[in-house]
Amino acid sequence: ALAAELGPNTRVNGLAPGFRKSIEDKTLLNGLGTVEGMGSAAAFLASDDAAYITGETLVIAGGMPSRL
């Protein structure tokens, strides 16, 4: 809704981190995310490479499904 309200000149996206120690061994990448990884995802969404992405939530959870 916010992306539709603010577009086309403003992109609206979200990051959904999946940091939970109890599921570390259940992720496809067998580990927890890092602050640097989250920063890289944010930098990507702010870059020209993501110029055609808006209204999305990028789940950063090591391959862990967003709903268990």
Protein backbone atom coordinates (compact mmCIF):
# COMPACT_ATOMS: atom_id res chain seq x y z
CA ALA A 1 0.00 0.00 0.00
CA LEU A 2 2.78 2.43 0.86
CA ALA A 3 4.63 1.63 -2.38
CA ALA A 4 1.49 2.44 -4.37
CA GLU A 5 0.97 5.65 -2.41
CA LEU A 6 4.55 6.93 -2.79
CA GLY A 7 5.40 5.60 -6.27
CA PRO A 8 6.59 6.00 -8.89
CA ASN A 9 9.37 8.26 -7.60
CA THR A 10 9.91 6.49 -4.27
CA ARG A 11 10.58 2.77 -3.80
CA VAL A 12 9.34 1.06 -0.64
CA ASN A 13 10.83 -2.30 0.36
CA GLY A 14 11.42 -4.18 3.58
CA LEU A 15 14.00 -6.52 5.05
CA ALA A 16 12.89 -9.50 7.12
CA PRO A 17 15.80 -10.95 9.10
CA GLY A 18 15.63 -14.53 10.32
CA PHE A 19 18.14 -14.52 13.18
CA ARG A 20 17.18 -17.11 15.75
CA LYS A 21 19.86 -19.18 17.45
CA SER A 22 17.50 -22.13 17.99
CA ILE A 23 17.12 -22.74 14.24
CA GLU A 24 20.74 -22.29 13.19
CA ASP A 25 21.15 -25.94 12.19
CA LYS A 26 17.84 -25.91 10.29
CA THR A 27 18.76 -23.25 7.73
CA LEU A 28 19.87 -24.38 4.28
CA LEU A 29 23.14 -22.48 4.80
CA ASN A 30 23.74 -23.99 8.28
CA GLY A 31 24.36 -20.71 10.03
CA LEU A 32 23.06 -17.40 11.21
CA GLY A 33 23.04 -14.22 9.19
CA THR A 34 25.47 -11.39 9.85
CA VAL A 35 25.13 -7.66 10.22
CA GLU A 36 27.24 -7.34 7.09
CA GLY A 37 24.85 -9.59 5.16
CA MET A 38 21.89 -7.49 6.25
CA GLY A 39 23.76 -4.34 5.25
CA SER A 40 24.53 -5.81 1.84
CA ALA A 41 20.85 -6.59 1.28
CA ALA A 42 19.89 -3.04 2.30
CA ALA A 43 22.57 -1.59 0.01
CA PHE A 44 21.26 -3.70 -2.87
CA LEU A 45 17.70 -2.47 -2.38
CA ALA A 46 18.95 1.13 -2.27
CA SER A 47 21.07 0.70 -5.41
CA ASP A 48 20.24 1.23 -9.08
CA ASP A 49 20.40 -2.58 -9.48
CA ALA A 50 17.07 -2.72 -7.62
CA ALA A 51 15.51 0.18 -9.53
CA TYR A 52 12.55 -1.96 -10.65
CA ILE A 53 11.86 -3.48 -7.21
CA THR A 54 9.23 -1.91 -4.97
CA GLY A 55 6.58 -3.15 -2.58
CA GLU A 56 8.60 -6.25 -1.68
CA THR A 57 9.95 -7.83 1.48
CA LEU A 58 13.36 -9.47 1.14
CA VAL A 59 13.56 -12.41 3.55
CA ILE A 60 17.11 -12.91 4.78
CA ALA A 61 16.97 -16.19 6.64
CA GLY A 62 19.63 -18.51 5.20
CA GLY A 63 17.10 -20.41 3.11
CA MET A 64 14.77 -20.96 6.07
CA PRO A 65 11.13 -20.92 5.03
CA SER A 66 9.42 -17.80 6.35
CA ARG A 67 6.68 -19.87 7.97
CA LEU A 68 7.25 -23.07 9.88
